[in-house]
């Protein structure tokens, strides 16, 4: 089974609320076997909308990454991000 990457591009508009999201999301991601590869940090925007926060996490499988997103724990975390950030998130299976 192939691993999967969770790739998020984020523009935080409410740092306090987003901080609550990040704390809860970190726990949910770890619970589902996710490991952060990049979390913020330097980047070079080449195409598309610029989002100053970029996050990449690796999961054991596409199914594990999707289960994390759909989990009650992550959905609770996500409730703090709604209205606190403009985000895109994609889950991609590694080859």
PDB file of N, CA and C in Angstrom:
ATOM      1  N   UNK A   1       0.839  -1.176   0.000  1.00  0.00           N
ATOM      2  CA  UNK A   1       0.000   0.000   0.000  1.00  0.00           C
ATOM      3  C   UNK A   1       0.888   1.244   0.000  1.00  0.00           C
ATOM      4  N   UNK A   2       0.533   2.222  -0.809  1.00  0.00           N
ATOM      5  CA  UNK A   2       1.308   3.454  -0.927  1.00  0.00           C
ATOM      6  C   UNK A   2       0.978   4.429   0.186  1.00  0.00           C
ATOM      7  N   UNK A   3       1.977   5.208   0.577  1.00  0.00           N
ATOM      8  CA  UNK A   3       1.743   6.288   1.517  1.00  0.00           C
ATOM      9  C   UNK A   3       1.021   7.425   0.800  1.00  0.00           C
ATOM     10  N   UNK A   4       0.565   8.418   1.570  1.00  0.00           N
ATOM     11  CA  UNK A   4      -0.149   9.548   0.988  1.00  0.00           C
ATOM     12  C   UNK A   4       0.314  10.835   1.643  1.00  0.00           C
ATOM     13  N   UNK A   5       0.248  11.906   0.880  1.00  0.00           N
ATOM     14  CA  UNK A   5       0.604  13.227   1.376  1.00  0.00           C
ATOM     15  C   UNK A   5      -0.649  14.084   1.518  1.00  0.00           C
ATOM     16  N   UNK A   6      -0.715  14.765   2.636  1.00  0.00           N
ATOM     17  CA  UNK A   6      -1.773  15.727   2.915  1.00  0.00           C
ATOM     18  C   UNK A   6      -1.101  17.075   2.694  1.00  0.00           C
ATOM     19  N   UNK A   7      -1.549  17.833   1.684  1.00  0.00           N
ATOM     20  CA  UNK A   7      -0.916  19.089   1.308  1.00  0.00           C
ATOM     21  C   UNK A   7      -1.925  20.217   1.483  1.00  0.00           C
ATOM     22  N   UNK A   8      -1.583  21.161   2.352  1.00  0.00           N
ATOM     23  CA  UNK A   8      -2.466  22.290   2.633  1.00  0.00           C
ATOM     24  C   UNK A   8      -1.746  23.595   2.347  1.00  0.00           C
ATOM     25  N   UNK A   9      -2.480  24.527   1.758  1.00  0.00           N
ATOM     26  CA  UNK A   9      -2.002  25.882   1.513  1.00  0.00           C
ATOM     27  C   UNK A   9      -2.956  26.805   2.264  1.00  0.00           C
ATOM     28  N   UNK A  10      -2.413  27.637   3.145  1.00  0.00           N
ATOM     29  CA  UNK A  10      -3.250  28.353   4.109  1.00  0.00           C
ATOM     30  C   UNK A  10      -2.869  29.825   4.195  1.00  0.00           C
ATOM     31  N   UNK A  11      -3.876  30.662   4.294  1.00  0.00           N
ATOM     32  CA  UNK A  11      -3.710  32.078   4.620  1.00  0.00           C
ATOM     33  C   UNK A  11      -4.506  32.311   5.906  1.00  0.00           C
ATOM     34  N   UNK A  12      -3.814  32.465   7.016  1.00  0.00           N
ATOM     35  CA  UNK A  12      -4.449  32.617   8.323  1.00  0.00           C
ATOM     36  C   UNK A  12      -4.978  34.042   8.468  1.00  0.00           C
ATOM     37  N   UNK A  13      -6.258  34.162   8.851  1.00  0.00           N
ATOM     38  CA  UNK A  13      -6.875  35.472   9.059  1.00  0.00           C
ATOM     39  C   UNK A  13      -7.182  35.742  10.531  1.00  0.00           C
ATOM     40  N   UNK A  14      -7.193  34.698  11.358  1.00  0.00           N
ATOM     41  CA  UNK A  14      -7.416  34.832  12.802  1.00  0.00           C
ATOM     42  C   UNK A  14      -6.440  33.889  13.503  1.00  0.00           C
ATOM     43  N   UNK A  15      -5.307  34.434  13.922  1.00  0.00           N
ATOM     44  CA  UNK A  15      -4.226  33.610  14.471  1.00  0.00           C
ATOM     45  C   UNK A  15      -4.630  32.870  15.744  1.00  0.00           C
ATOM     46  N   UNK A  16      -5.423  33.487  16.591  1.00  0.00           N
ATOM     47  CA  UNK A  16      -5.828  32.842  17.841  1.00  0.00           C
ATOM     48  C   UNK A  16      -6.687  31.604  17.573  1.00  0.00           C
ATOM     49  N   UNK A  17      -7.710  31.757  16.757  1.00  0.00           N
ATOM     50  CA  UNK A  17      -8.579  30.626  16.421  1.00  0.00           C
ATOM     51  C   UNK A  17      -7.804  29.556  15.658  1.00  0.00           C
ATOM     52  N   UNK A  18      -6.939  29.980  14.753  1.00  0.00           N
ATOM     53  CA  UNK A  18      -6.174  29.012  13.974  1.00  0.00           C
ATOM     54  C   UNK A  18      -5.186  28.259  14.854  1.00  0.00           C
ATOM     55  N   UNK A  19      -4.698  28.909  15.885  1.00  0.00           N
ATOM     56  CA  UNK A  19      -3.830  28.235  16.851  1.00  0.00           C
ATOM     57  C   UNK A  19      -4.560  27.104  17.557  1.00  0.00           C
ATOM     58  N   UNK A  20      -5.835  27.323  17.878  1.00  0.00           N
ATOM     59  CA  UNK A  20      -6.640  26.245  18.495  1.00  0.00           C
ATOM     60  C   UNK A  20      -6.797  25.087  17.501  1.00  0.00           C
ATOM     61  N   UNK A  21      -7.063  25.429  16.233  1.00  0.00           N
ATOM     62  CA  UNK A  21      -7.156  24.396  15.201  1.00  0.00           C
ATOM     63  C   UNK A  21      -5.855  23.595  15.132  1.00  0.00           C
ATOM     64  N   UNK A  22      -4.726  24.293  15.055  1.00  0.00           N
ATOM     65  CA  UNK A  22      -3.433  23.625  14.876  1.00  0.00           C
ATOM     66  C   UNK A  22      -3.136  22.664  16.023  1.00  0.00           C
ATOM     67  N   UNK A  23      -3.436  23.064  17.246  1.00  0.00           N
ATOM     68  CA  UNK A  23      -3.167  22.193  18.398  1.00  0.00           C
ATOM     69  C   UNK A  23      -4.002  20.914  18.324  1.00  0.00           C
ATOM     70  N   UNK A  24      -5.275  21.060  18.024  1.00  0.00           N
ATOM     71  CA  UNK A  24      -6.156  19.880  17.947  1.00  0.00           C
ATOM     72  C   UNK A  24      -5.849  19.042  16.703  1.00  0.00           C
ATOM     73  N   UNK A  25      -5.554  19.691  15.593  1.00  0.00           N
ATOM     74  CA  UNK A  25      -5.261  18.968  14.349  1.00  0.00           C
ATOM     75  C   UNK A  25      -3.991  18.148  14.490  1.00  0.00           C
ATOM     76  N   UNK A  26      -2.992  18.689  15.181  1.00  0.00           N
ATOM     77  CA  UNK A  26      -1.737  17.966  15.389  1.00  0.00           C
ATOM     78  C   UNK A  26      -1.998  16.630  16.074  1.00  0.00           C
ATOM     79  N   UNK A  27      -2.840  16.641  17.077  1.00  0.00           N
ATOM     80  CA  UNK A  27      -3.184  15.407  17.800  1.00  0.00           C
ATOM     81  C   UNK A  27      -3.926  14.432  16.894  1.00  0.00           C
ATOM     82  N   UNK A  28      -4.897  14.925  16.135  1.00  0.00           N
ATOM     83  CA  UNK A  28      -5.678  14.056  15.248  1.00  0.00           C
ATOM     84  C   UNK A  28      -4.798  13.444  14.160  1.00  0.00           C
ATOM     85  N   UNK A  29      -3.911  14.238  13.602  1.00  0.00           N
ATOM     86  CA  UNK A  29      -3.023  13.754  12.541  1.00  0.00           C
ATOM     87  C   UNK A  29      -2.097  12.672  13.082  1.00  0.00           C
ATOM     88  N   UNK A  30      -1.511  12.901  14.237  1.00  0.00           N
ATOM     89  CA  UNK A  30      -0.624  11.898  14.852  1.00  0.00           C
ATOM     90  C   UNK A  30      -1.381  10.613  15.158  1.00  0.00           C
ATOM     91  N   UNK A  31      -2.615  10.740  15.639  1.00  0.00           N
ATOM     92  CA  UNK A  31      -3.433   9.565  15.987  1.00  0.00           C
ATOM     93  C   UNK A  31      -3.673   8.676  14.767  1.00  0.00           C
ATOM     94  N   UNK A  32      -3.684   9.277  13.583  1.00  0.00           N
ATOM     95  CA  UNK A  32      -3.925   8.521  12.344  1.00  0.00           C
ATOM     96  C   UNK A  32      -2.631   8.184  11.604  1.00  0.00           C
ATOM     97  N   UNK A  33      -1.509   8.310  12.295  1.00  0.00           N
ATOM     98  CA  UNK A  33      -0.235   7.920  11.697  1.00  0.00           C
ATOM     99  C   UNK A  33       0.420   8.982  10.850  1.00  0.00           C
ATOM    100  N   UNK A  34      -0.095  10.202  10.893  1.00  0.00           N
ATOM    101  CA  UNK A  34       0.480  11.288  10.102  1.00  0.00           C
ATOM    102  C   UNK A  34       1.737  11.850  10.734  1.00  0.00           C
ATOM    103  N   UNK A  35       2.681  12.212   9.877  1.00  0.00           N
ATOM    104  CA  UNK A  35       3.949  12.813  10.296  1.00  0.00           C
ATOM    105  C   UNK A  35       4.161  14.064   9.455  1.00  0.00           C
ATOM    106  N   UNK A  36       4.437  15.191  10.096  1.00  0.00           N
ATOM    107  CA  UNK A  36       4.661  16.432   9.355  1.00  0.00           C
ATOM    108  C   UNK A  36       6.022  16.419   8.665  1.00  0.00           C
ATOM    109  N   UNK A  37       6.018  16.779   7.384  1.00  0.00           N
ATOM    110  CA  UNK A  37       7.242  16.939   6.606  1.00  0.00           C
ATOM    111  C   UNK A  37       7.582  18.418   6.450  1.00  0.00           C
ATOM    112  N   UNK A  38       6.563  19.251   6.382  1.00  0.00           N
ATOM    113  CA  UNK A  38       6.738  20.698   6.291  1.00  0.00           C
ATOM    114  C   UNK A  38       5.561  21.340   7.003  1.00  0.00           C
ATOM    115  N   UNK A  39       5.859  22.388   7.741  1.00  0.00           N
ATOM    116  CA  UNK A  39       4.811  23.073   8.496  1.00  0.00           C
ATOM    117  C   UNK A  39       5.201  24.537   8.594  1.00  0.00           C
ATOM    118  N   UNK A  40       4.735  25.318   7.624  1.00  0.00           N
ATOM    119  CA  UNK A  40       5.192  26.699   7.546  1.00  0.00           C
ATOM    120  C   UNK A  40       6.572  26.712   6.912  1.00  0.00           C
ATOM    121  N   UNK A  41       7.387  27.626   7.300  1.00  0.00           N
ATOM    122  CA  UNK A  41       8.752  27.672   6.786  1.00  0.00           C
ATOM    123  C   UNK A  41       8.865  28.401   5.462  1.00  0.00           C
ATOM    124  N   UNK A  42      10.073  28.459   5.000  1.00  0.00           N
ATOM    125  CA  UNK A  42      10.370  29.179   3.759  1.00  0.00           C
ATOM    126  C   UNK A  42       9.789  28.443   2.558  1.00  0.00           C
ATOM    127  N   UNK A  43       9.420  29.210   1.545  1.00  0.00           N
ATOM    128  CA  UNK A  43       8.882  28.624   0.313  1.00  0.00           C
ATOM    129  C   UNK A  43       9.079  29.605  -0.832  1.00  0.00           C
ATOM    130  N   UNK A  44       8.921  29.111  -2.032  1.00  0.00           N
ATOM    131  CA  UNK A  44       8.947  29.945  -3.232  1.00  0.00           C
ATOM    132  C   UNK A  44       7.659  29.663  -3.996  1.00  0.00           C
ATOM    133  N   UNK A  45       6.816  30.654  -4.159  1.00  0.00           N
ATOM    134  CA  UNK A  45       5.556  30.504  -4.880  1.00  0.00           C
ATOM    135  C   UNK A  45       5.828  30.623  -6.370  1.00  0.00           C
ATOM    136  N   UNK A  46       5.519  29.601  -7.130  1.00  0.00           N
ATOM    137  CA  UNK A  46       5.771  29.619  -8.568  1.00  0.00           C
ATOM    138  C   UNK A  46       4.504  29.817  -9.392  1.00  0.00           C
ATOM    139  N   UNK A  47       3.392  29.234  -8.962  1.00  0.00           N
ATOM    140  CA  UNK A  47       2.143  29.335  -9.718  1.00  0.00           C
ATOM    141  C   UNK A  47       0.975  29.363  -8.747  1.00  0.00           C
ATOM    142  N   UNK A  48      -0.136  29.904  -9.192  1.00  0.00           N
ATOM    143  CA  UNK A  48      -1.357  29.866  -8.404  1.00  0.00           C
ATOM    144  C   UNK A  48      -1.380  30.886  -7.277  1.00  0.00           C
ATOM    145  N   UNK A  49      -2.424  30.767  -6.450  1.00  0.00           N
ATOM    146  CA  UNK A  49      -2.634  31.689  -5.335  1.00  0.00           C
ATOM    147  C   UNK A  49      -1.549  31.508  -4.279  1.00  0.00           C
ATOM    148  N   UNK A  50      -1.036  32.616  -3.814  1.00  0.00           N
ATOM    149  CA  UNK A  50      -0.015  32.578  -2.757  1.00  0.00           C
ATOM    150  C   UNK A  50      -0.691  32.431  -1.405  1.00  0.00           C
ATOM    151  N   UNK A  51      -0.340  31.382  -0.696  1.00  0.00           N
ATOM    152  CA  UNK A  51      -0.805  31.165   0.671  1.00  0.00           C
ATOM    153  C   UNK A  51       0.453  31.071   1.522  1.00  0.00           C
ATOM    154  N   UNK A  52       0.639  31.963   2.487  1.00  0.00           N
ATOM    155  CA  UNK A  52       1.907  32.032   3.216  1.00  0.00           C
ATOM    156  C   UNK A  52       2.191  30.871   4.162  1.00  0.00           C
ATOM    157  N   UNK A  53       1.228  30.002   4.405  1.00  0.00           N
ATOM    158  CA  UNK A  53       1.487  28.836   5.259  1.00  0.00           C
ATOM    159  C   UNK A  53       1.240  27.586   4.431  1.00  0.00           C
ATOM    160  N   UNK A  54       2.247  26.748   4.322  1.00  0.00           N
ATOM    161  CA  UNK A  54       2.154  25.511   3.549  1.00  0.00           C
ATOM    162  C   UNK A  54       2.506  24.355   4.466  1.00  0.00           C
ATOM    163  N   UNK A  55       1.667  23.328   4.441  1.00  0.00           N
ATOM    164  CA  UNK A  55       1.834  22.197   5.343  1.00  0.00           C
ATOM    165  C   UNK A  55       1.774  20.907   4.533  1.00  0.00           C
ATOM    166  N   UNK A  56       2.720  20.005   4.803  1.00  0.00           N
ATOM    167  CA  UNK A  56       2.729  18.683   4.178  1.00  0.00           C
ATOM    168  C   UNK A  56       2.883  17.654   5.278  1.00  0.00           C
ATOM    169  N   UNK A  57       1.980  16.678   5.291  1.00  0.00           N
ATOM    170  CA  UNK A  57       2.067  15.571   6.240  1.00  0.00           C
ATOM    171  C   UNK A  57       1.994  14.268   5.454  1.00  0.00           C
ATOM    172  N   UNK A  58       2.742  13.279   5.901  1.00  0.00           N
ATOM    173  CA  UNK A  58       2.715  11.951   5.260  1.00  0.00           C
ATOM    174  C   UNK A  58       1.911  11.006   6.153  1.00  0.00           C
ATOM    175  N   UNK A  59       1.037  10.235   5.523  1.00  0.00           N
ATOM    176  CA  UNK A  59       0.222   9.230   6.201  1.00  0.00           C
ATOM    177  C   UNK A  59       0.574   7.851   5.645  1.00  0.00           C
ATOM    178  N   UNK A  60       0.288   6.809   6.409  1.00  0.00           N
ATOM    179  CA  UNK A  60       0.607   5.449   5.962  1.00  0.00           C
ATOM    180  C   UNK A  60      -0.121   5.035   4.676  1.00  0.00           C
ATOM    181  N   UNK A  61      -1.275   5.672   4.404  1.00  0.00           N
ATOM    182  CA  UNK A  61      -2.049   5.323   3.208  1.00  0.00           C
ATOM    183  C   UNK A  61      -3.028   6.449   2.897  1.00  0.00           C
ATOM    184  N   UNK A  62      -3.575   6.423   1.702  1.00  0.00           N
ATOM    185  CA  UNK A  62      -4.613   7.369   1.310  1.00  0.00           C
ATOM    186  C   UNK A  62      -5.816   7.216   2.228  1.00  0.00           C
ATOM    187  N   UNK A  63      -6.132   5.982   2.557  1.00  0.00           N
ATOM    188  CA  UNK A  63      -7.282   5.706   3.422  1.00  0.00           C
ATOM    189  C   UNK A  63      -7.074   6.271   4.829  1.00  0.00           C
ATOM    190  N   UNK A  64      -5.848   6.161   5.356  1.00  0.00           N
ATOM    191  CA  UNK A  64      -5.552   6.706   6.686  1.00  0.00           C
ATOM    192  C   UNK A  64      -5.674   8.225   6.684  1.00  0.00           C
ATOM    193  N   UNK A  65      -5.195   8.863   5.624  1.00  0.00           N
ATOM    194  CA  UNK A  65      -5.282  10.323   5.526  1.00  0.00           C
ATOM    195  C   UNK A  65      -6.738  10.765   5.436  1.00  0.00           C
ATOM    196  N   UNK A  66      -7.529  10.063   4.642  1.00  0.00           N
ATOM    197  CA  UNK A  66      -8.939  10.399   4.505  1.00  0.00           C
ATOM    198  C   UNK A  66      -9.686  10.135   5.815  1.00  0.00           C
ATOM    199  N   UNK A  67      -9.371   9.032   6.479  1.00  0.00           N
ATOM    200  CA  UNK A  67     -10.003   8.720   7.770  1.00  0.00           C
ATOM    201  C   UNK A  67      -9.682   9.804   8.795  1.00  0.00           C
ATOM    202  N   UNK A  68      -8.477  10.318   8.762  1.00  0.00           N
ATOM    203  CA  UNK A  68      -8.104  11.407   9.661  1.00  0.00           C
ATOM    204  C   UNK A  68      -8.990  12.617   9.397  1.00  0.00           C
ATOM    205  N   UNK A  69      -9.094  13.018   8.145  1.00  0.00           N
ATOM    206  CA  UNK A  69      -9.900  14.196   7.803  1.00  0.00           C
ATOM    207  C   UNK A  69     -11.347  14.027   8.255  1.00  0.00           C
ATOM    208  N   UNK A  70     -11.893  12.838   8.071  1.00  0.00           N
ATOM    209  CA  UNK A  70     -13.300  12.578   8.396  1.00  0.00           C
ATOM    210  C   UNK A  70     -13.533  12.294   9.879  1.00  0.00           C
ATOM    211  N   UNK A  71     -12.470  12.112  10.652  1.00  0.00           N
ATOM    212  CA  UNK A  71     -12.611  11.748  12.069  1.00  0.00           C
ATOM    213  C   UNK A  71     -13.251  12.867  12.884  1.00  0.00           C
ATOM    214  N   UNK A  72     -13.905  12.464  13.967  1.00  0.00           N
ATOM    215  CA  UNK A  72     -14.515  13.435  14.879  1.00  0.00           C
ATOM    216  C   UNK A  72     -13.471  14.386  15.446  1.00  0.00           C
ATOM    217  N   UNK A  73     -12.270  13.861  15.737  1.00  0.00           N
ATOM    218  CA  UNK A  73     -11.209  14.696  16.306  1.00  0.00           C
ATOM    219  C   UNK A  73     -10.783  15.797  15.331  1.00  0.00           C
ATOM    220  N   UNK A  74     -10.585  15.418  14.080  1.00  0.00           N
ATOM    221  CA  UNK A  74     -10.155  16.420  13.112  1.00  0.00           C
ATOM    222  C   UNK A  74     -11.285  17.398  12.798  1.00  0.00           C
ATOM    223  N   UNK A  75     -12.490  16.907  12.701  1.00  0.00           N
ATOM    224  CA  UNK A  75     -13.614  17.800  12.424  1.00  0.00           C
ATOM    225  C   UNK A  75     -13.793  18.828  13.544  1.00  0.00           C
ATOM    226  N   UNK A  76     -13.539  18.419  14.791  1.00  0.00           N
ATOM    227  CA  UNK A  76     -13.566  19.368  15.909  1.00  0.00           C
ATOM    228  C   UNK A  76     -12.487  20.422  15.710  1.00  0.00           C
ATOM    229  N   UNK A  77     -11.285  19.990  15.339  1.00  0.00           N
ATOM    230  CA  UNK A  77     -10.194  20.934  15.066  1.00  0.00           C
ATOM    231  C   UNK A  77     -10.597  21.883  13.941  1.00  0.00           C
ATOM    232  N   UNK A  78     -11.151  21.322  12.880  1.00  0.00           N
ATOM    233  CA  UNK A  78     -11.509  22.101  11.699  1.00  0.00           C
ATOM    234  C   UNK A  78     -12.543  23.179  12.020  1.00  0.00           C
ATOM    235  N   UNK A  79     -13.371  22.943  13.014  1.00  0.00           N
ATOM    236  CA  UNK A  79     -14.371  23.945  13.391  1.00  0.00           C
ATOM    237  C   UNK A  79     -13.704  25.250  13.830  1.00  0.00           C
ATOM    238  N   UNK A  80     -12.480  25.189  14.325  1.00  0.00           N
ATOM    239  CA  UNK A  80     -11.746  26.389  14.729  1.00  0.00           C
ATOM    240  C   UNK A  80     -11.092  27.084  13.531  1.00  0.00           C
ATOM    241  N   UNK A  81     -10.835  26.351  12.465  1.00  0.00           N
ATOM    242  CA  UNK A  81     -10.201  26.923  11.276  1.00  0.00           C
ATOM    243  C   UNK A  81     -11.211  27.644  10.388  1.00  0.00           C
ATOM    244  N   UNK A  82     -12.458  27.198  10.435  1.00  0.00           N
ATOM    245  CA  UNK A  82     -13.486  27.836   9.603  1.00  0.00           C
ATOM    246  C   UNK A  82     -13.651  29.285  10.029  1.00  0.00           C
ATOM    247  N   UNK A  83     -13.522  30.186   9.087  1.00  0.00           N
ATOM    248  CA  UNK A  83     -13.608  31.607   9.386  1.00  0.00           C
ATOM    249  C   UNK A  83     -12.302  32.193   9.901  1.00  0.00           C
ATOM    250  N   UNK A  84     -11.298  31.343  10.146  1.00  0.00           N
ATOM    251  CA  UNK A  84     -10.011  31.808  10.664  1.00  0.00           C
ATOM    252  C   UNK A  84      -8.902  31.678   9.629  1.00  0.00           C
ATOM    253  N   UNK A  85      -9.248  31.149   8.450  1.00  0.00           N
ATOM    254  CA  UNK A  85      -8.237  30.953   7.412  1.00  0.00           C
ATOM    255  C   UNK A  85      -8.915  30.695   6.070  1.00  0.00           C
ATOM    256  N   UNK A  86      -8.180  31.013   5.019  1.00  0.00           N
ATOM    257  CA  UNK A  86      -8.547  30.604   3.660  1.00  0.00           C
ATOM    258  C   UNK A  86      -7.600  29.463   3.344  1.00  0.00           C
ATOM    259  N   UNK A  87      -8.142  28.290   2.973  1.00  0.00           N
ATOM    260  CA  UNK A  87      -7.313  27.095   2.844  1.00  0.00           C
ATOM    261  C   UNK A  87      -7.680  26.291   1.608  1.00  0.00           C
ATOM    262  N   UNK A  88      -6.698  25.570   1.123  1.00  0.00           N
ATOM    263  CA  UNK A  88      -6.909  24.486   0.173  1.00  0.00           C
ATOM    264  C   UNK A  88      -6.226  23.272   0.767  1.00  0.00           C
ATOM    265  N   UNK A  89      -6.837  22.121   0.611  1.00  0.00           N
ATOM    266  CA  UNK A  89      -6.257  20.876   1.116  1.00  0.00           C
ATOM    267  C   UNK A  89      -6.491  19.786   0.091  1.00  0.00           C
ATOM    268  N   UNK A  90      -5.437  19.041  -0.209  1.00  0.00           N
ATOM    269  CA  UNK A  90      -5.545  17.907  -1.122  1.00  0.00           C
ATOM    270  C   UNK A  90      -4.797  16.733  -0.499  1.00  0.00           C
ATOM    271  N   UNK A  91      -5.308  15.541  -0.722  1.00  0.00           N
ATOM    272  CA  UNK A  91      -4.625  14.320  -0.277  1.00  0.00           C
ATOM    273  C   UNK A  91      -4.192  13.590  -1.543  1.00  0.00           C
ATOM    274  N   UNK A  92      -2.898  13.300  -1.638  1.00  0.00           N
ATOM    275  CA  UNK A  92      -2.326  12.700  -2.843  1.00  0.00           C
ATOM    276  C   UNK A  92      -1.594  11.421  -2.486  1.00  0.00           C
ATOM    277  N   UNK A  93      -1.914  10.342  -3.173  1.00  0.00           N
ATOM    278  CA  UNK A  93      -1.202   9.076  -2.953  1.00  0.00           C
ATOM    279  C   UNK A  93       0.186   9.154  -3.579  1.00  0.00           C
ATOM    280  N   UNK A  94       1.187   8.727  -2.816  1.00  0.00           N
ATOM    281  CA  UNK A  94       2.546   8.693  -3.347  1.00  0.00           C
ATOM    282  C   UNK A  94       2.713   7.460  -4.216  1.00  0.00           C
ATOM    283  N   UNK A  95       3.592   7.555  -5.191  1.00  0.00           N
ATOM    284  CA  UNK A  95       3.856   6.440  -6.103  1.00  0.00           C
ATOM    285  C   UNK A  95       5.095   5.691  -5.683  1.00  0.00           C
TER     286      UNK A  95
END
